[in-house]
Amino acid sequence: MDANVHANDPREHVNEEPRNDLMDLMNGFGGMALFMTLIFAIMVIIKFVISG
């Protein structure tokens, strides 16, 4: 019994939404670095405010 009757031929697949993987990687890396830098700066400011 063939369970997967509606299997598509992978050779027929068309990439409907092409992605730029390198730009996605750079945006993710840059965004995370910016986020961590922002958190670091906020923590330094909080430290100076608390220490008086």
N, C-alpha and C. Protein backbone atom coordinates (compact mmCIF):
# COMPACT_ATOMS: atom_id res chain seq x y z
N MET A 1 0.84 -1.19 0.00
CA MET A 1 0.00 0.00 0.00
C MET A 1 0.88 1.24 0.00
N ASP A 2 0.72 2.09 -0.98
CA ASP A 2 1.50 3.32 -1.07
C ASP A 2 0.78 4.43 -0.31
N ALA A 3 1.34 4.83 0.84
CA ALA A 3 0.67 5.80 1.70
C ALA A 3 0.75 7.22 1.13
N ASN A 4 1.88 7.53 0.50
CA ASN A 4 2.08 8.90 0.02
C ASN A 4 1.71 8.96 -1.46
N VAL A 5 0.43 9.06 -1.74
CA VAL A 5 -0.04 9.02 -3.13
C VAL A 5 0.22 10.34 -3.84
N HIS A 6 0.14 11.45 -3.09
CA HIS A 6 0.27 12.78 -3.70
C HIS A 6 1.68 13.34 -3.57
N ALA A 7 2.69 12.51 -3.68
CA ALA A 7 4.06 12.98 -3.56
C ALA A 7 4.43 13.80 -4.79
N ASN A 8 5.06 14.94 -4.56
CA ASN A 8 5.49 15.79 -5.66
C ASN A 8 6.92 15.42 -6.06
N ASP A 9 7.17 15.51 -7.34
CA ASP A 9 8.52 15.27 -7.82
C ASP A 9 9.39 16.46 -7.42
N PRO A 10 10.48 16.23 -6.70
CA PRO A 10 11.31 17.37 -6.25
C PRO A 10 11.93 18.13 -7.42
N ARG A 11 12.02 17.50 -8.59
CA ARG A 11 12.57 18.22 -9.75
C ARG A 11 11.61 19.28 -10.25
N GLU A 12 10.34 19.17 -9.88
CA GLU A 12 9.36 20.16 -10.31
C GLU A 12 9.30 21.36 -9.38
N HIS A 13 10.02 21.29 -8.28
CA HIS A 13 9.93 22.37 -7.29
C HIS A 13 10.54 23.66 -7.84
N VAL A 14 9.81 24.74 -7.67
CA VAL A 14 10.31 26.06 -8.04
C VAL A 14 10.44 26.87 -6.75
N ASN A 15 11.55 27.58 -6.63
CA ASN A 15 11.77 28.40 -5.44
C ASN A 15 10.92 29.65 -5.56
N GLU A 16 9.75 29.63 -4.91
CA GLU A 16 8.81 30.73 -5.06
C GLU A 16 9.32 32.01 -4.40
N GLU A 17 10.04 31.87 -3.29
CA GLU A 17 10.48 33.03 -2.54
C GLU A 17 11.99 32.94 -2.32
N PRO A 18 12.78 33.40 -3.25
CA PRO A 18 14.24 33.29 -3.08
C PRO A 18 14.71 34.16 -1.91
N ARG A 19 15.62 33.62 -1.13
CA ARG A 19 16.14 34.32 0.04
C ARG A 19 17.62 34.59 -0.16
N ASN A 20 18.07 35.70 0.41
CA ASN A 20 19.49 35.99 0.43
C ASN A 20 20.03 35.57 1.79
N ASP A 21 20.60 34.37 1.85
CA ASP A 21 21.01 33.80 3.13
C ASP A 21 22.10 34.62 3.79
N LEU A 22 23.03 35.15 3.01
CA LEU A 22 24.13 35.93 3.59
C LEU A 22 23.59 37.20 4.23
N MET A 23 22.67 37.89 3.55
CA MET A 23 22.10 39.11 4.14
C MET A 23 21.27 38.77 5.37
N ASP A 24 20.54 37.66 5.35
CA ASP A 24 19.79 37.24 6.53
C ASP A 24 20.74 37.00 7.71
N LEU A 25 21.86 36.35 7.43
CA LEU A 25 22.84 36.06 8.47
C LEU A 25 23.44 37.36 9.01
N MET A 26 23.79 38.28 8.10
CA MET A 26 24.39 39.55 8.53
C MET A 26 23.39 40.39 9.32
N ASN A 27 22.13 40.40 8.88
CA ASN A 27 21.11 41.15 9.62
C ASN A 27 20.88 40.56 11.01
N GLY A 28 20.85 39.25 11.08
CA GLY A 28 20.67 38.60 12.37
C GLY A 28 21.85 38.85 13.30
N PHE A 29 23.04 38.73 12.77
CA PHE A 29 24.24 38.93 13.59
C PHE A 29 24.33 40.38 14.04
N GLY A 30 24.11 41.31 13.10
CA GLY A 30 24.17 42.73 13.44
C GLY A 30 23.08 43.13 14.42
N GLY A 31 21.89 42.60 14.21
CA GLY A 31 20.79 42.93 15.10
C GLY A 31 21.04 42.42 16.51
N MET A 32 21.56 41.21 16.61
CA MET A 32 21.84 40.65 17.93
C MET A 32 22.98 41.42 18.60
N ALA A 33 24.01 41.79 17.85
CA ALA A 33 25.12 42.56 18.42
C ALA A 33 24.63 43.93 18.91
N LEU A 34 23.76 44.56 18.12
CA LEU A 34 23.20 45.86 18.53
C LEU A 34 22.36 45.71 19.79
N PHE A 35 21.56 44.66 19.85
CA PHE A 35 20.72 44.40 21.02
C PHE A 35 21.58 44.18 22.26
N MET A 36 22.65 43.38 22.14
CA MET A 36 23.51 43.11 23.29
C MET A 36 24.27 44.36 23.71
N THR A 37 24.69 45.19 22.74
CA THR A 37 25.37 46.44 23.06
C THR A 37 24.44 47.38 23.81
N LEU A 38 23.19 47.43 23.38
CA LEU A 38 22.19 48.26 24.04
C LEU A 38 21.97 47.79 25.48
N ILE A 39 21.83 46.49 25.67
CA ILE A 39 21.65 45.96 27.02
C ILE A 39 22.88 46.27 27.88
N PHE A 40 24.07 46.12 27.32
CA PHE A 40 25.30 46.41 28.06
C PHE A 40 25.34 47.87 28.49
N ALA A 41 25.00 48.79 27.57
CA ALA A 41 25.02 50.22 27.89
C ALA A 41 24.01 50.54 28.98
N ILE A 42 22.83 49.96 28.90
CA ILE A 42 21.80 50.20 29.93
C ILE A 42 22.27 49.69 31.28
N MET A 43 22.90 48.51 31.30
CA MET A 43 23.39 47.96 32.56
C MET A 43 24.50 48.82 33.16
N VAL A 44 25.36 49.37 32.32
CA VAL A 44 26.43 50.25 32.82
C VAL A 44 25.82 51.51 33.42
N ILE A 45 24.83 52.08 32.75
CA ILE A 45 24.17 53.29 33.27
C ILE A 45 23.49 52.97 34.61
N ILE A 46 22.80 51.84 34.69
CA ILE A 46 22.14 51.44 35.93
C ILE A 46 23.17 51.26 37.05
N LYS A 47 24.31 50.68 36.72
CA LYS A 47 25.36 50.46 37.71
C LYS A 47 25.85 51.79 38.27
N PHE A 48 26.08 52.77 37.40
CA PHE A 48 26.56 54.07 37.86
C PHE A 48 25.50 54.80 38.66
N VAL A 49 24.24 54.65 38.30
CA VAL A 49 23.16 55.31 39.04
C VAL A 49 23.02 54.69 40.43
N ILE A 50 23.11 53.36 40.51
CA ILE A 50 22.96 52.69 41.80
C ILE A 50 24.15 52.99 42.72
N SER A 51 25.37 52.98 42.16
CA SER A 51 26.56 53.18 42.99
C SER A 51 26.66 54.61 43.50
N GLY A 52 25.92 55.50 42.92
CA GLY A 52 25.81 56.86 43.43
C GLY A 52 26.90 57.76 42.94
